[in-house]
Amino acid sequence: MSLPVITAFRNSPDRGRGFARDMRVRWAFEEVGQPYDVRLVSFETMKEPAHLALQPFGQIPTYEEGDLALFESGAIVLRIAEQRAGLLPNDPDARARAIGWMFCALNTIEPPILEREVAGFTERDRTWFEERRPILEDRIHNRVRRLSDRLGDADWLDGAFSAGDLLMVTVLRRLERSGILETYPNLPAYIARGLARPAYQRAYDAQHAVFVARSSGETGS
């Protein structure tokens, strides 16, 4: 039986730091012990019809397994979690809560973080950027403050580590250099627990190896 195949950047803008969204999928595969293959794509390839048939918005990752093709990292992680044990509880109610945290990570916590990030790239030279930045950061604080309160002293969001934690950690990592998380000490500790998991380390090493190979000219164009 052929392995599932995902797509990832041939030349990632994050320079191998683990922020590209294929990282979430790689981590999920590693947590459940599922081998997988990776097809590296260039930015040009991502706009071609063959890739757009898999991902209509020209992004990564995509997922192919037999006749099934998926896009959106959250949907792919959910598919992986449903196929093998390790990322979703067996109890139906706990399973539903874990899936709820997956949606929370991507729909509640991530959007204001990305808005701030994009503004920093596209609006920094505008005269009003310095006035807008505190508004963007307040939106993030409003979300992560409530997340911090809910997490409290627990290791994970709802009992054992789940796909909800996997996605939440990858989302919160985007704030690591912002100074925002310093206000909520339990969140950097939460992130550190996620990054210390052997499955995360294997996924990170695999993604980082693409950048290293690219930098040394081993992957081609």
N, C-alpha and C. Protein backbone atom coordinates (compact mmCIF):
# COMPACT_ATOMS: atom_id res chain seq x y z
N MET A 1 0.84 -1.19 0.00
CA MET A 1 0.00 0.00 0.00
C MET A 1 0.89 1.25 0.00
N SER A 2 0.56 2.20 -0.85
CA SER A 2 1.37 3.41 -0.94
C SER A 2 1.14 4.30 0.28
N LEU A 3 2.15 5.09 0.60
CA LEU A 3 2.07 5.98 1.75
C LEU A 3 1.30 7.24 1.39
N PRO A 4 0.68 7.88 2.39
CA PRO A 4 0.09 9.19 2.12
C PRO A 4 1.18 10.18 1.72
N VAL A 5 0.82 11.11 0.87
CA VAL A 5 1.77 12.09 0.35
C VAL A 5 1.28 13.49 0.69
N ILE A 6 2.17 14.30 1.23
CA ILE A 6 1.84 15.69 1.48
C ILE A 6 2.76 16.58 0.65
N THR A 7 2.32 17.81 0.44
CA THR A 7 3.18 18.78 -0.22
C THR A 7 3.74 19.75 0.81
N ALA A 8 4.93 20.26 0.51
CA ALA A 8 5.60 21.23 1.37
C ALA A 8 6.41 22.17 0.49
N PHE A 9 6.79 23.31 1.05
CA PHE A 9 7.59 24.27 0.31
C PHE A 9 8.95 23.69 -0.06
N ARG A 10 9.33 23.87 -1.31
CA ARG A 10 10.70 23.56 -1.71
C ARG A 10 11.66 24.58 -1.10
N ASN A 11 11.20 25.81 -1.02
CA ASN A 11 12.02 26.89 -0.47
C ASN A 11 11.14 27.70 0.48
N SER A 12 11.07 27.28 1.74
CA SER A 12 10.12 27.85 2.68
C SER A 12 10.50 29.26 3.12
N PRO A 13 9.52 30.16 3.18
CA PRO A 13 9.79 31.52 3.66
C PRO A 13 10.24 31.56 5.12
N ASP A 14 9.96 30.52 5.88
CA ASP A 14 10.32 30.55 7.31
C ASP A 14 11.76 30.10 7.55
N ARG A 15 12.48 29.76 6.47
CA ARG A 15 13.89 29.38 6.57
C ARG A 15 14.11 28.20 7.53
N GLY A 16 13.19 27.24 7.46
CA GLY A 16 13.36 26.01 8.22
C GLY A 16 13.10 26.11 9.70
N ARG A 17 12.34 27.11 10.13
CA ARG A 17 12.08 27.30 11.57
C ARG A 17 10.82 26.60 12.06
N GLY A 18 10.15 25.86 11.20
CA GLY A 18 9.01 25.07 11.64
C GLY A 18 7.69 25.81 11.69
N PHE A 19 7.57 26.95 10.99
CA PHE A 19 6.32 27.70 11.01
C PHE A 19 5.40 27.36 9.83
N ALA A 20 5.96 26.84 8.75
CA ALA A 20 5.12 26.47 7.60
C ALA A 20 4.12 25.40 8.01
N ARG A 21 2.95 25.42 7.41
CA ARG A 21 1.85 24.59 7.90
C ARG A 21 2.01 23.10 7.64
N ASP A 22 2.95 22.71 6.79
CA ASP A 22 3.19 21.27 6.69
C ASP A 22 3.76 20.72 7.99
N MET A 23 4.31 21.61 8.84
CA MET A 23 4.84 21.17 10.13
C MET A 23 3.75 20.51 10.97
N ARG A 24 2.57 21.07 10.95
CA ARG A 24 1.46 20.50 11.73
C ARG A 24 1.16 19.07 11.28
N VAL A 25 1.18 18.89 9.98
CA VAL A 25 0.86 17.57 9.43
C VAL A 25 1.98 16.58 9.71
N ARG A 26 3.22 17.02 9.53
CA ARG A 26 4.35 16.15 9.85
C ARG A 26 4.30 15.70 11.31
N TRP A 27 4.01 16.65 12.20
CA TRP A 27 3.94 16.33 13.63
C TRP A 27 2.85 15.31 13.90
N ALA A 28 1.70 15.50 13.28
CA ALA A 28 0.60 14.55 13.48
C ALA A 28 0.99 13.16 13.02
N PHE A 29 1.61 13.06 11.86
CA PHE A 29 2.08 11.76 11.38
C PHE A 29 3.03 11.11 12.39
N GLU A 30 3.94 11.90 12.91
CA GLU A 30 4.92 11.36 13.85
C GLU A 30 4.26 10.91 15.15
N GLU A 31 3.27 11.64 15.62
CA GLU A 31 2.58 11.27 16.86
C GLU A 31 1.87 9.93 16.75
N VAL A 32 1.31 9.65 15.58
CA VAL A 32 0.56 8.39 15.42
C VAL A 32 1.40 7.29 14.80
N GLY A 33 2.65 7.57 14.47
CA GLY A 33 3.52 6.54 13.91
C GLY A 33 3.21 6.18 12.48
N GLN A 34 2.74 7.14 11.69
CA GLN A 34 2.38 6.88 10.30
C GLN A 34 3.48 7.38 9.36
N PRO A 35 4.14 6.49 8.64
CA PRO A 35 5.11 6.95 7.63
C PRO A 35 4.40 7.73 6.53
N TYR A 36 5.12 8.62 5.89
CA TYR A 36 4.51 9.45 4.85
C TYR A 36 5.59 9.89 3.87
N ASP A 37 5.15 10.33 2.72
CA ASP A 37 6.06 10.89 1.73
C ASP A 37 5.77 12.38 1.57
N VAL A 38 6.76 13.13 1.12
CA VAL A 38 6.62 14.57 0.91
C VAL A 38 7.00 14.90 -0.52
N ARG A 39 6.15 15.67 -1.17
CA ARG A 39 6.47 16.20 -2.49
C ARG A 39 6.73 17.70 -2.34
N LEU A 40 7.93 18.12 -2.62
CA LEU A 40 8.29 19.53 -2.49
C LEU A 40 7.84 20.30 -3.72
N VAL A 41 7.26 21.48 -3.49
CA VAL A 41 6.75 22.28 -4.59
C VAL A 41 7.31 23.70 -4.50
N SER A 42 7.54 24.29 -5.65
CA SER A 42 7.99 25.68 -5.72
C SER A 42 6.76 26.59 -5.71
N PHE A 43 7.00 27.88 -5.54
CA PHE A 43 5.90 28.84 -5.59
C PHE A 43 5.27 28.87 -6.98
N GLU A 44 6.06 28.64 -8.00
CA GLU A 44 5.52 28.58 -9.36
C GLU A 44 4.62 27.37 -9.53
N THR A 45 5.08 26.21 -9.04
CA THR A 45 4.30 24.98 -9.15
C THR A 45 2.96 25.09 -8.44
N MET A 46 2.95 25.83 -7.33
CA MET A 46 1.73 25.96 -6.54
C MET A 46 0.62 26.71 -7.29
N LYS A 47 0.97 27.44 -8.34
CA LYS A 47 -0.02 28.18 -9.12
C LYS A 47 -0.42 27.45 -10.40
N GLU A 48 0.14 26.26 -10.63
CA GLU A 48 -0.17 25.51 -11.83
C GLU A 48 -1.44 24.67 -11.64
N PRO A 49 -2.11 24.32 -12.74
CA PRO A 49 -3.39 23.60 -12.64
C PRO A 49 -3.35 22.32 -11.82
N ALA A 50 -2.27 21.55 -11.93
CA ALA A 50 -2.20 20.28 -11.21
C ALA A 50 -2.26 20.50 -9.71
N HIS A 51 -1.55 21.51 -9.21
CA HIS A 51 -1.59 21.78 -7.77
C HIS A 51 -2.91 22.44 -7.38
N LEU A 52 -3.40 23.34 -8.21
CA LEU A 52 -4.67 24.01 -7.90
C LEU A 52 -5.84 23.02 -7.85
N ALA A 53 -5.70 21.90 -8.56
CA ALA A 53 -6.74 20.87 -8.47
C ALA A 53 -6.77 20.24 -7.09
N LEU A 54 -5.63 20.26 -6.39
CA LEU A 54 -5.54 19.73 -5.03
C LEU A 54 -5.81 20.82 -3.99
N GLN A 55 -5.32 22.02 -4.26
CA GLN A 55 -5.44 23.14 -3.32
C GLN A 55 -5.85 24.38 -4.14
N PRO A 56 -7.16 24.67 -4.19
CA PRO A 56 -7.65 25.71 -5.09
C PRO A 56 -7.12 27.11 -4.80
N PHE A 57 -6.47 27.30 -3.64
CA PHE A 57 -5.94 28.62 -3.29
C PHE A 57 -4.42 28.69 -3.47
N GLY A 58 -3.85 27.63 -4.02
CA GLY A 58 -2.42 27.65 -4.34
C GLY A 58 -1.52 27.68 -3.13
N GLN A 59 -1.86 26.92 -2.10
CA GLN A 59 -1.08 26.90 -0.87
C GLN A 59 -0.61 25.48 -0.56
N ILE A 60 0.12 25.36 0.54
CA ILE A 60 0.48 24.04 1.07
C ILE A 60 0.01 24.00 2.53
N PRO A 61 -0.18 22.80 3.10
CA PRO A 61 0.06 21.49 2.52
C PRO A 61 -1.18 20.96 1.81
N THR A 62 -0.96 19.95 0.98
CA THR A 62 -2.04 19.10 0.52
C THR A 62 -1.76 17.69 1.01
N TYR A 63 -2.78 16.85 0.90
CA TYR A 63 -2.68 15.47 1.39
C TYR A 63 -3.35 14.57 0.36
N GLU A 64 -2.65 13.53 -0.04
CA GLU A 64 -3.22 12.55 -0.95
C GLU A 64 -3.02 11.15 -0.39
N GLU A 65 -4.10 10.39 -0.39
CA GLU A 65 -4.06 9.00 0.08
C GLU A 65 -5.07 8.20 -0.73
N GLY A 66 -4.59 7.36 -1.63
CA GLY A 66 -5.50 6.66 -2.52
C GLY A 66 -6.28 7.66 -3.36
N ASP A 67 -7.60 7.55 -3.31
CA ASP A 67 -8.46 8.46 -4.08
C ASP A 67 -8.80 9.75 -3.32
N LEU A 68 -8.34 9.83 -2.08
CA LEU A 68 -8.66 11.00 -1.27
C LEU A 68 -7.62 12.08 -1.41
N ALA A 69 -8.07 13.30 -1.68
CA ALA A 69 -7.19 14.48 -1.68
C ALA A 69 -7.80 15.51 -0.74
N LEU A 70 -6.97 16.08 0.14
CA LEU A 70 -7.43 17.07 1.10
C LEU A 70 -6.53 18.29 1.06
N PHE A 71 -7.10 19.44 1.44
CA PHE A 71 -6.29 20.61 1.74
C PHE A 71 -6.79 21.18 3.05
N GLU A 72 -6.10 22.17 3.56
CA GLU A 72 -6.28 22.77 4.89
C GLU A 72 -5.63 21.89 5.95
N SER A 73 -4.65 22.47 6.63
CA SER A 73 -3.86 21.70 7.60
C SER A 73 -4.72 21.12 8.71
N GLY A 74 -5.72 21.88 9.17
CA GLY A 74 -6.57 21.36 10.24
C GLY A 74 -7.35 20.13 9.81
N ALA A 75 -7.88 20.16 8.59
CA ALA A 75 -8.63 19.01 8.08
C ALA A 75 -7.71 17.80 7.92
N ILE A 76 -6.49 18.05 7.48
CA ILE A 76 -5.53 16.95 7.30
C ILE A 76 -5.14 16.35 8.65
N VAL A 77 -4.88 17.20 9.64
CA VAL A 77 -4.55 16.69 10.97
C VAL A 77 -5.72 15.88 11.53
N LEU A 78 -6.94 16.35 11.33
CA LEU A 78 -8.10 15.60 11.81
C LEU A 78 -8.20 14.25 11.13
N ARG A 79 -7.95 14.20 9.84
CA ARG A 79 -7.96 12.92 9.12
C ARG A 79 -6.94 11.95 9.72
N ILE A 80 -5.73 12.45 9.93
CA ILE A 80 -4.68 11.59 10.51
C ILE A 80 -5.09 11.11 11.90
N ALA A 81 -5.64 12.02 12.71
CA ALA A 81 -6.04 11.67 14.07
C ALA A 81 -7.16 10.65 14.10
N GLU A 82 -8.03 10.70 13.11
CA GLU A 82 -9.15 9.75 13.06
C GLU A 82 -8.72 8.38 12.54
N GLN A 83 -7.62 8.35 11.80
CA GLN A 83 -7.18 7.09 11.20
C GLN A 83 -6.38 6.21 12.15
N ARG A 84 -5.65 6.86 13.07
CA ARG A 84 -4.79 6.10 13.98
C ARG A 84 -4.88 6.65 15.39
N ALA A 85 -4.66 5.79 16.36
CA ALA A 85 -4.71 6.21 17.75
C ALA A 85 -3.54 7.11 18.10
N GLY A 86 -3.79 8.00 19.06
CA GLY A 86 -2.71 8.82 19.58
C GLY A 86 -2.99 10.30 19.67
N LEU A 87 -3.98 10.78 18.90
CA LEU A 87 -4.26 12.21 18.89
C LEU A 87 -5.69 12.58 19.27
N LEU A 88 -6.56 11.58 19.39
CA LEU A 88 -7.93 11.84 19.83
C LEU A 88 -8.32 10.79 20.87
N PRO A 89 -8.98 11.21 21.95
CA PRO A 89 -9.40 10.25 22.98
C PRO A 89 -10.42 9.26 22.44
N ASN A 90 -10.53 8.13 23.11
CA ASN A 90 -11.54 7.14 22.74
C ASN A 90 -12.93 7.53 23.22
N ASP A 91 -13.00 8.16 24.40
CA ASP A 91 -14.29 8.58 24.94
C ASP A 91 -14.94 9.60 23.99
N PRO A 92 -16.18 9.39 23.57
CA PRO A 92 -16.81 10.28 22.59
C PRO A 92 -16.87 11.74 23.03
N ASP A 93 -17.17 12.00 24.30
CA ASP A 93 -17.25 13.38 24.75
C ASP A 93 -15.88 14.05 24.77
N ALA A 94 -14.88 13.31 25.27
CA ALA A 94 -13.52 13.85 25.28
C ALA A 94 -13.01 14.07 23.86
N ARG A 95 -13.39 13.17 22.98
CA ARG A 95 -13.00 13.30 21.57
C ARG A 95 -13.60 14.58 20.97
N ALA A 96 -14.87 14.82 21.26
CA ALA A 96 -15.53 16.02 20.76
C ALA A 96 -14.87 17.28 21.30
N ARG A 97 -14.48 17.25 22.57
CA ARG A 97 -13.81 18.42 23.15
C ARG A 97 -12.46 18.66 22.49
N ALA A 98 -11.72 17.58 22.22
CA ALA A 98 -10.41 17.73 21.57
C ALA A 98 -10.57 18.35 20.18
N ILE A 99 -11.60 17.91 19.46
CA ILE A 99 -11.86 18.50 18.13
C ILE A 99 -12.26 19.96 18.29
N GLY A 100 -13.01 20.27 19.34
CA GLY A 100 -13.36 21.66 19.61
C GLY A 100 -12.13 22.53 19.80
N TRP A 101 -11.12 22.00 20.49
CA TRP A 101 -9.88 22.76 20.68
C TRP A 101 -9.12 22.92 19.37
N MET A 102 -9.24 21.95 18.48
CA MET A 102 -8.65 22.11 17.16
C MET A 102 -9.24 23.32 16.44
N PHE A 103 -10.57 23.41 16.47
CA PHE A 103 -11.25 24.54 15.85
C PHE A 103 -10.88 25.84 16.56
N CYS A 104 -10.76 25.79 17.87
CA CYS A 104 -10.41 26.98 18.63
C CYS A 104 -9.04 27.51 18.21
N ALA A 105 -8.07 26.61 18.08
CA ALA A 105 -6.72 27.03 17.70
C ALA A 105 -6.73 27.76 16.36
N LEU A 106 -7.48 27.22 15.39
CA LEU A 106 -7.43 27.76 14.04
C LEU A 106 -8.41 28.90 13.80
N ASN A 107 -9.53 28.91 14.53
CA ASN A 107 -10.57 29.90 14.27
C ASN A 107 -10.63 31.03 15.28
N THR A 108 -10.15 30.79 16.50
CA THR A 108 -10.24 31.81 17.55
C THR A 108 -8.88 32.41 17.87
N ILE A 109 -7.86 31.58 18.02
CA ILE A 109 -6.54 32.07 18.44
C ILE A 109 -5.70 32.53 17.25
N GLU A 110 -5.69 31.78 16.17
CA GLU A 110 -4.78 32.10 15.06
C GLU A 110 -5.13 33.38 14.29
N PRO A 111 -6.39 33.68 13.99
CA PRO A 111 -6.66 34.85 13.13
C PRO A 111 -6.07 36.17 13.62
N PRO A 112 -6.22 36.57 14.88
CA PRO A 112 -5.61 37.85 15.28
C PRO A 112 -4.08 37.81 15.27
N ILE A 113 -3.51 36.64 15.50
CA ILE A 113 -2.05 36.50 15.43
C ILE A 113 -1.57 36.73 14.00
N LEU A 114 -2.26 36.12 13.04
CA LEU A 114 -1.88 36.29 11.65
C LEU A 114 -2.12 37.71 11.16
N GLU A 115 -3.20 38.34 11.66
CA GLU A 115 -3.47 39.72 11.26
C GLU A 115 -2.32 40.63 11.67
N ARG A 116 -1.83 40.45 12.89
CA ARG A 116 -0.70 41.24 13.35
C ARG A 116 0.54 40.95 12.52
N GLU A 117 0.76 39.69 12.22
CA GLU A 117 1.93 39.28 11.46
C GLU A 117 1.92 39.87 10.06
N VAL A 118 0.78 39.77 9.38
CA VAL A 118 0.67 40.29 8.02
C VAL A 118 0.82 41.81 8.02
N ALA A 119 0.23 42.46 9.01
CA ALA A 119 0.35 43.92 9.09
C ALA A 119 1.80 44.34 9.22
N GLY A 120 2.57 43.57 9.96
CA GLY A 120 3.98 43.89 10.13
C GLY A 120 4.75 43.84 8.82
N PHE A 121 4.31 42.97 7.90
CA PHE A 121 4.99 42.87 6.61
C PHE A 121 4.48 43.90 5.61
N THR A 122 3.17 44.16 5.64
CA THR A 122 2.57 44.95 4.56
C THR A 122 2.26 46.39 4.92
N GLU A 123 2.23 46.72 6.23
CA GLU A 123 1.79 48.06 6.62
C GLU A 123 2.82 48.83 7.43
N ARG A 124 3.98 48.23 7.63
CA ARG A 124 4.96 48.84 8.53
C ARG A 124 5.39 50.24 8.10
N ASP A 125 5.37 50.50 6.80
CA ASP A 125 5.82 51.80 6.32
C ASP A 125 4.70 52.84 6.25
N ARG A 126 3.50 52.47 6.67
CA ARG A 126 2.38 53.41 6.65
C ARG A 126 2.43 54.31 7.90
N THR A 127 1.99 55.53 7.73
CA THR A 127 2.08 56.50 8.83
C THR A 127 1.24 56.09 10.03
N TRP A 128 0.20 55.32 9.79
CA TRP A 128 -0.71 54.97 10.88
C TRP A 128 -0.41 53.61 11.51
N PHE A 129 0.68 52.95 11.06
CA PHE A 129 0.94 51.60 11.56
C PHE A 129 1.17 51.57 13.07
N GLU A 130 1.95 52.51 13.59
CA GLU A 130 2.26 52.50 15.02
C GLU A 130 1.01 52.73 15.86
N GLU A 131 0.03 53.40 15.32
CA GLU A 131 -1.23 53.58 16.04
C GLU A 131 -2.08 52.32 15.99
N ARG A 132 -1.98 51.59 14.90
CA ARG A 132 -2.80 50.38 14.73
C ARG A 132 -2.22 49.19 15.47
N ARG A 133 -0.91 49.15 15.62
CA ARG A 133 -0.29 47.97 16.22
C ARG A 133 -0.83 47.64 17.60
N PRO A 134 -1.01 48.61 18.52
CA PRO A 134 -1.57 48.26 19.84
C PRO A 134 -2.97 47.68 19.75
N ILE A 135 -3.74 48.10 18.75
CA ILE A 135 -5.09 47.54 18.57
C ILE A 135 -4.98 46.06 18.19
N LEU A 136 -4.08 45.76 17.28
CA LEU A 136 -3.87 44.37 16.87
C LEU A 136 -3.41 43.52 18.04
N GLU A 137 -2.51 44.06 18.85
CA GLU A 137 -1.98 43.29 19.97
C GLU A 137 -3.02 43.13 21.08
N ASP A 138 -3.88 44.12 21.26
CA ASP A 138 -4.96 43.98 22.25
C ASP A 138 -5.88 42.82 21.88
N ARG A 139 -6.15 42.66 20.59
CA ARG A 139 -7.01 41.56 20.15
C ARG A 139 -6.38 40.22 20.50
N ILE A 140 -5.07 40.13 20.33
CA ILE A 140 -4.38 38.89 20.68
C ILE A 140 -4.43 38.67 22.19
N HIS A 141 -4.14 39.70 22.95
CA HIS A 141 -4.17 39.58 24.41
C HIS A 141 -5.55 39.10 24.88
N ASN A 142 -6.60 39.62 24.30
CA ASN A 142 -7.94 39.22 24.71
C ASN A 142 -8.17 37.73 24.53
N ARG A 143 -7.58 37.18 23.49
CA ARG A 143 -7.76 35.75 23.22
C ARG A 143 -6.83 34.90 24.09
N VAL A 144 -5.55 35.24 24.10
CA VAL A 144 -4.60 34.38 24.82
C VAL A 144 -4.75 34.50 26.33
N ARG A 145 -5.27 35.63 26.82
CA ARG A 145 -5.53 35.75 28.26
C ARG A 145 -6.56 34.70 28.69
N ARG A 146 -7.60 34.57 27.90
CA ARG A 146 -8.64 33.58 28.23
C ARG A 146 -8.13 32.16 28.07
N LEU A 147 -7.27 31.96 27.09
CA LEU A 147 -6.66 30.64 26.92
C LEU A 147 -5.78 30.32 28.10
N SER A 148 -5.00 31.29 28.55
CA SER A 148 -4.13 31.09 29.71
C SER A 148 -4.94 30.76 30.95
N ASP A 149 -6.03 31.48 31.14
CA ASP A 149 -6.90 31.22 32.30
C ASP A 149 -7.47 29.82 32.24
N ARG A 150 -7.87 29.39 31.07
CA ARG A 150 -8.47 28.06 30.93
C ARG A 150 -7.43 26.96 31.14
N LEU A 151 -6.23 27.16 30.62
CA LEU A 151 -5.19 26.14 30.79
C LEU A 151 -4.77 26.02 32.25
N GLY A 152 -4.60 27.15 32.93
CA GLY A 152 -4.21 27.12 34.34
C GLY A 152 -2.90 26.38 34.54
N ASP A 153 -2.89 25.46 35.49
CA ASP A 153 -1.70 24.69 35.82
C ASP A 153 -1.65 23.34 35.10
N ALA A 154 -2.60 23.10 34.21
CA ALA A 154 -2.65 21.80 33.52
C ALA A 154 -1.54 21.69 32.49
N ASP A 155 -1.16 20.47 32.20
CA ASP A 155 -0.16 20.25 31.15
C ASP A 155 -0.75 20.50 29.77
N TRP A 156 -1.99 20.02 29.57
CA TRP A 156 -2.62 20.10 28.26
C TRP A 156 -4.04 20.65 28.41
N LEU A 157 -4.67 20.93 27.30
CA LEU A 157 -5.95 21.64 27.31
C LEU A 157 -7.10 20.85 27.90
N ASP A 158 -7.09 19.53 27.70
CA ASP A 158 -8.21 18.72 28.20
C ASP A 158 -7.72 17.31 28.45
N GLY A 159 -7.08 17.10 29.59
CA GLY A 159 -6.57 15.76 29.88
C GLY A 159 -5.27 15.50 29.15
N ALA A 160 -5.23 14.38 28.42
CA ALA A 160 -4.01 13.99 27.72
C ALA A 160 -3.78 14.86 26.49
N PHE A 161 -2.54 14.87 26.02
CA PHE A 161 -2.18 15.57 24.80
C PHE A 161 -3.06 15.09 23.65
N SER A 162 -3.52 16.02 22.83
CA SER A 162 -4.42 15.68 21.72
C SER A 162 -4.09 16.52 20.50
N ALA A 163 -4.83 16.28 19.42
CA ALA A 163 -4.69 17.09 18.22
C ALA A 163 -5.00 18.55 18.50
N GLY A 164 -5.84 18.82 19.49
CA GLY A 164 -6.11 20.20 19.87
C GLY A 164 -4.86 20.89 20.38
N ASP A 165 -4.09 20.19 21.21
CA ASP A 165 -2.83 20.75 21.70
C ASP A 165 -1.82 20.91 20.57
N LEU A 166 -1.76 19.94 19.69
CA LEU A 166 -0.82 20.00 18.57
C LEU A 166 -1.03 21.28 17.76
N LEU A 167 -2.27 21.55 17.41
CA LEU A 167 -2.55 22.75 16.63
C LEU A 167 -2.35 24.02 17.45
N MET A 168 -2.75 23.98 18.71
CA MET A 168 -2.62 25.17 19.54
C MET A 168 -1.15 25.55 19.72
N VAL A 169 -0.30 24.58 19.95
CA VAL A 169 1.12 24.87 20.12
C VAL A 169 1.71 25.48 18.85
N THR A 170 1.35 24.93 17.68
CA THR A 170 1.90 25.48 16.44
C THR A 170 1.41 26.90 16.20
N VAL A 171 0.19 27.20 16.62
CA VAL A 171 -0.33 28.56 16.48
C VAL A 171 0.38 29.52 17.43
N LEU A 172 0.50 29.13 18.70
CA LEU A 172 1.12 30.01 19.69
C LEU A 172 2.59 30.26 19.42
N ARG A 173 3.25 29.33 18.76
CA ARG A 173 4.66 29.52 18.43
C ARG A 173 4.90 30.80 17.64
N ARG A 174 3.91 31.23 16.91
CA ARG A 174 4.06 32.43 16.08
C ARG A 174 4.21 33.68 16.93
N LEU A 175 3.96 33.57 18.23
CA LEU A 175 4.10 34.71 19.14
C LEU A 175 5.40 34.67 19.93
N GLU A 176 6.25 33.71 19.67
CA GLU A 176 7.42 33.49 20.52
C GLU A 176 8.32 34.72 20.64
N ARG A 177 8.46 35.50 19.59
CA ARG A 177 9.35 36.66 19.62
C ARG A 177 8.59 37.98 19.75
N SER A 178 7.32 37.90 20.06
CA SER A 178 6.50 39.12 20.10
C SER A 178 6.52 39.82 21.45
N GLY A 179 6.88 39.10 22.52
CA GLY A 179 6.81 39.65 23.86
C GLY A 179 5.45 39.49 24.49
N ILE A 180 4.44 39.12 23.71
CA ILE A 180 3.07 39.01 24.22
C ILE A 180 2.94 37.86 25.22
N LEU A 181 3.59 36.75 24.95
CA LEU A 181 3.42 35.58 25.81
C LEU A 181 4.08 35.74 27.17
N GLU A 182 4.98 36.71 27.31
CA GLU A 182 5.65 36.91 28.59
C GLU A 182 4.66 37.29 29.69
N THR A 183 3.51 37.79 29.30
CA THR A 183 2.48 38.18 30.27
C THR A 183 1.78 36.96 30.84
N TYR A 184 1.90 35.83 30.16
CA TYR A 184 1.16 34.61 30.55
C TYR A 184 2.16 33.46 30.67
N PRO A 185 2.85 33.33 31.81
CA PRO A 185 3.94 32.35 31.94
C PRO A 185 3.55 30.91 31.65
N ASN A 186 2.28 30.56 31.88
CA ASN A 186 1.92 29.16 31.63
C ASN A 186 1.89 28.82 30.14
N LEU A 187 1.78 29.83 29.27
CA LEU A 187 1.73 29.53 27.84
C LEU A 187 3.09 29.20 27.25
N PRO A 188 4.18 29.96 27.56
CA PRO A 188 5.48 29.50 27.09
C PRO A 188 5.85 28.11 27.62
N ALA A 189 5.45 27.81 28.85
CA ALA A 189 5.72 26.48 29.40
C ALA A 189 4.92 25.42 28.65
N TYR A 190 3.70 25.76 28.29
CA TYR A 190 2.85 24.86 27.50
C TYR A 190 3.48 24.59 26.14
N ILE A 191 3.93 25.65 25.48
CA ILE A 191 4.59 25.49 24.19
C ILE A 191 5.83 24.61 24.33
N ALA A 192 6.62 24.86 25.37
CA ALA A 192 7.85 24.09 25.57
C ALA A 192 7.56 22.61 25.74
N ARG A 193 6.47 22.27 26.43
CA ARG A 193 6.10 20.86 26.59
C ARG A 193 5.80 20.24 25.23
N GLY A 194 5.10 20.99 24.38
CA GLY A 194 4.80 20.47 23.05
C GLY A 194 6.05 20.27 22.23
N LEU A 195 6.94 21.26 22.25
CA LEU A 195 8.15 21.17 21.44
C LEU A 195 9.12 20.11 21.94
N ALA A 196 8.98 19.73 23.21
CA ALA A 196 9.85 18.70 23.77
C ALA A 196 9.41 17.28 23.41
N ARG A 197 8.23 17.15 22.83
CA ARG A 197 7.75 15.81 22.49
C ARG A 197 8.63 15.23 21.38
N PRO A 198 9.03 13.97 21.51
CA PRO A 198 9.89 13.36 20.48
C PRO A 198 9.28 13.44 19.08
N ALA A 199 7.96 13.31 18.98
CA ALA A 199 7.31 13.37 17.67
C ALA A 199 7.49 14.75 17.05
N TYR A 200 7.42 15.80 17.87
CA TYR A 200 7.65 17.14 17.34
C TYR A 200 9.08 17.27 16.85
N GLN A 201 10.01 16.78 17.63
CA GLN A 201 11.42 16.90 17.26
C GLN A 201 11.70 16.19 15.93
N ARG A 202 11.10 15.02 15.74
CA ARG A 202 11.30 14.31 14.47
C ARG A 202 10.71 15.09 13.31
N ALA A 203 9.52 15.66 13.52
CA ALA A 203 8.88 16.44 12.46
C ALA A 203 9.70 17.68 12.14
N TYR A 204 10.17 18.35 13.18
CA TYR A 204 10.97 19.56 12.97
C TYR A 204 12.26 19.24 12.20
N ASP A 205 12.92 18.17 12.60
CA ASP A 205 14.15 17.79 11.93
C ASP A 205 13.91 17.50 10.45
N ALA A 206 12.78 16.85 10.15
CA ALA A 206 12.46 16.52 8.75
C ALA A 206 12.21 17.79 7.94
N GLN A 207 11.47 18.72 8.52
CA GLN A 207 11.19 19.96 7.80
C GLN A 207 12.45 20.81 7.67
N HIS A 208 13.23 20.89 8.74
CA HIS A 208 14.44 21.71 8.71
C HIS A 208 15.46 21.16 7.71
N ALA A 209 15.47 19.85 7.54
CA ALA A 209 16.41 19.23 6.61
C ALA A 209 16.19 19.72 5.18
N VAL A 210 14.94 20.06 4.85
CA VAL A 210 14.65 20.58 3.51
C VAL A 210 15.35 21.92 3.32
N PHE A 211 15.28 22.78 4.33
CA PHE A 211 15.95 24.08 4.25
C PHE A 211 17.46 23.91 4.16
N VAL A 212 18.01 23.01 4.96
CA VAL A 212 19.46 22.80 4.96
C VAL A 212 19.91 22.31 3.58
N ALA A 213 19.17 21.35 3.04
CA ALA A 213 19.53 20.82 1.73
C ALA A 213 19.41 21.88 0.65
N ARG A 214 18.36 22.67 0.73
CA ARG A 214 18.15 23.74 -0.24
C ARG A 214 19.29 24.75 -0.17
N SER A 215 19.68 25.07 1.05
CA SER A 215 20.74 26.07 1.24
C SER A 215 22.08 25.59 0.67
N SER A 216 22.27 24.27 0.72
CA SER A 216 23.54 23.72 0.23
C SER A 216 23.45 23.31 -1.23
N GLY A 217 22.28 23.56 -1.86
CA GLY A 217 22.12 23.29 -3.28
C GLY A 217 21.85 21.86 -3.62
N GLU A 218 21.35 21.06 -2.62
CA GLU A 218 21.17 19.63 -2.87
C GLU A 218 19.81 19.28 -3.44
N THR A 219 18.81 20.20 -3.28
CA THR A 219 17.45 19.81 -3.69
C THR A 219 17.12 20.22 -5.11
N GLY A 220 17.95 20.99 -5.74
CA GLY A 220 17.65 21.44 -7.10
C GLY A 220 16.68 22.58 -7.09
N SER A 221 16.19 22.96 -8.25
CA SER A 221 15.29 24.11 -8.36
C SER A 221 13.85 23.68 -8.44
